[in-house]
Amino acid sequence: MPYVNFPPGMRSLAFTDGLPPATASREGGRVELSDERARAVDAMTGNGDAGLVTARFRSYGGTKRGRVCSCSPTIWNAWTTQCPKCKSLTLPE
């Protein structure tokens, strides 16, 4: 049966279908869900993206291009204007 492990401080998961919330015995505990409710959690924005039930994980790329330096092939963050290795200025990718 599918289940959800709650993070510390969280004890229940409410649904909008009118049925009672799924409540764990303690904060940070675990609650078992029916297959239908597990599919509903996976379909939720945010919760489903985190893979609470199926343990899948979606990674999202950034929206900014990185910066590079001629001293190494490393791509630095977009806000890194000075190379941490050689201290020269970085250039946009």
Protein backbone atom coordinates (compact mmCIF):
# COMPACT_ATOMS: atom_id res chain seq x y z
CA MET A 1 0.00 0.00 0.00
CA PRO A 2 1.41 3.46 -0.87
CA TYR A 3 2.41 5.74 1.98
CA VAL A 4 3.68 9.24 2.66
CA ASN A 5 6.50 10.06 5.09
CA PHE A 6 5.80 13.44 6.65
CA PRO A 7 8.61 15.92 7.29
CA PRO A 8 9.33 17.00 10.88
CA GLY A 9 6.50 19.12 12.28
CA MET A 10 3.86 17.78 9.88
CA ARG A 11 1.26 15.27 10.99
CA SER A 12 -1.60 15.20 8.49
CA LEU A 13 -2.51 15.66 4.84
CA ALA A 14 -5.90 17.23 4.03
CA PHE A 15 -7.84 16.55 0.84
CA THR A 16 -10.51 18.68 -0.81
CA ASP A 17 -12.81 15.74 -1.60
CA GLY A 18 -14.60 16.02 1.76
CA LEU A 19 -13.14 12.87 3.31
CA PRO A 20 -11.23 13.14 6.62
CA PRO A 21 -7.53 14.02 6.41
CA ALA A 22 -4.86 11.33 6.46
CA THR A 23 -3.33 11.67 9.93
CA ALA A 24 -0.17 10.02 11.25
CA SER A 25 0.22 8.89 14.86
CA ARG A 26 3.00 11.44 15.46
CA GLU A 27 4.63 14.46 13.81
CA GLY A 28 7.10 13.41 11.16
CA GLY A 29 5.38 10.02 10.97
CA ARG A 30 4.02 7.98 8.12
CA VAL A 31 0.50 7.46 6.80
CA GLU A 32 -0.78 4.85 4.36
CA LEU A 33 -3.00 5.97 1.49
CA SER A 34 -5.40 4.23 -0.83
CA ASP A 35 -4.27 3.90 -4.43
CA GLU A 36 -6.77 6.57 -5.49
CA ARG A 37 -5.50 9.06 -2.91
CA ALA A 38 -1.88 8.27 -3.78
CA ARG A 39 -2.61 9.18 -7.41
CA ALA A 40 -4.27 12.40 -6.21
CA VAL A 41 -1.19 13.36 -4.18
CA ASP A 42 1.09 12.68 -7.16
CA ALA A 43 -1.12 14.86 -9.34
CA MET A 44 -0.98 17.81 -6.90
CA THR A 45 1.20 20.77 -7.82
CA GLY A 46 4.18 20.88 -5.46
CA ASN A 47 3.51 17.65 -3.57
CA GLY A 48 3.45 15.48 -6.66
CA ASP A 49 6.56 17.20 -8.04
CA ALA A 50 8.42 16.24 -4.88
CA GLY A 51 7.49 12.56 -5.32
CA LEU A 52 5.92 12.14 -1.89
CA VAL A 53 4.32 8.84 -2.85
CA THR A 54 6.21 7.48 -5.87
CA ALA A 55 9.68 8.71 -4.84
CA ARG A 56 10.24 10.24 -8.26
CA PHE A 57 11.95 13.59 -8.39
CA ARG A 58 11.82 16.26 -11.05
CA SER A 59 14.77 18.58 -11.29
CA TYR A 60 14.38 22.08 -12.60
CA GLY A 61 17.07 24.10 -14.33
CA GLY A 62 17.79 27.71 -13.58
CA THR A 63 16.69 30.57 -15.76
CA LYS A 64 20.03 32.39 -15.83
CA ARG A 65 23.09 31.50 -17.82
CA GLY A 66 26.27 30.78 -15.92
CA ARG A 67 29.65 32.48 -16.10
CA VAL A 68 32.98 30.98 -17.11
CA CYS A 69 36.67 31.73 -16.63
CA SER A 70 39.56 30.85 -18.88
CA CYS A 71 41.51 29.20 -16.03
CA SER A 72 39.14 26.21 -15.67
CA PRO A 73 36.21 24.50 -17.42
CA THR A 74 33.95 25.15 -14.44
CA ILE A 75 30.68 27.00 -15.02
CA TRP A 76 30.05 29.34 -12.11
CA ASN A 77 26.75 30.82 -10.92
CA ALA A 78 25.31 33.78 -12.82
CA TRP A 79 26.15 36.13 -9.94
CA THR A 80 29.81 35.05 -9.69
CA THR A 81 31.66 37.92 -11.32
CA GLN A 82 35.11 36.91 -10.04
CA CYS A 83 36.57 33.42 -10.43
CA PRO A 84 37.07 31.79 -7.00
CA LYS A 85 40.18 29.95 -8.28
CA CYS A 86 42.25 32.59 -10.08
CA LYS A 87 40.41 35.79 -9.02
CA SER A 88 40.04 37.04 -12.61
CA LEU A 89 36.73 38.32 -13.99
CA THR A 90 34.28 35.76 -15.33
CA LEU A 91 32.44 36.05 -18.64
CA PRO A 92 28.88 34.98 -19.55
CA GLU A 93 28.63 31.51 -21.15
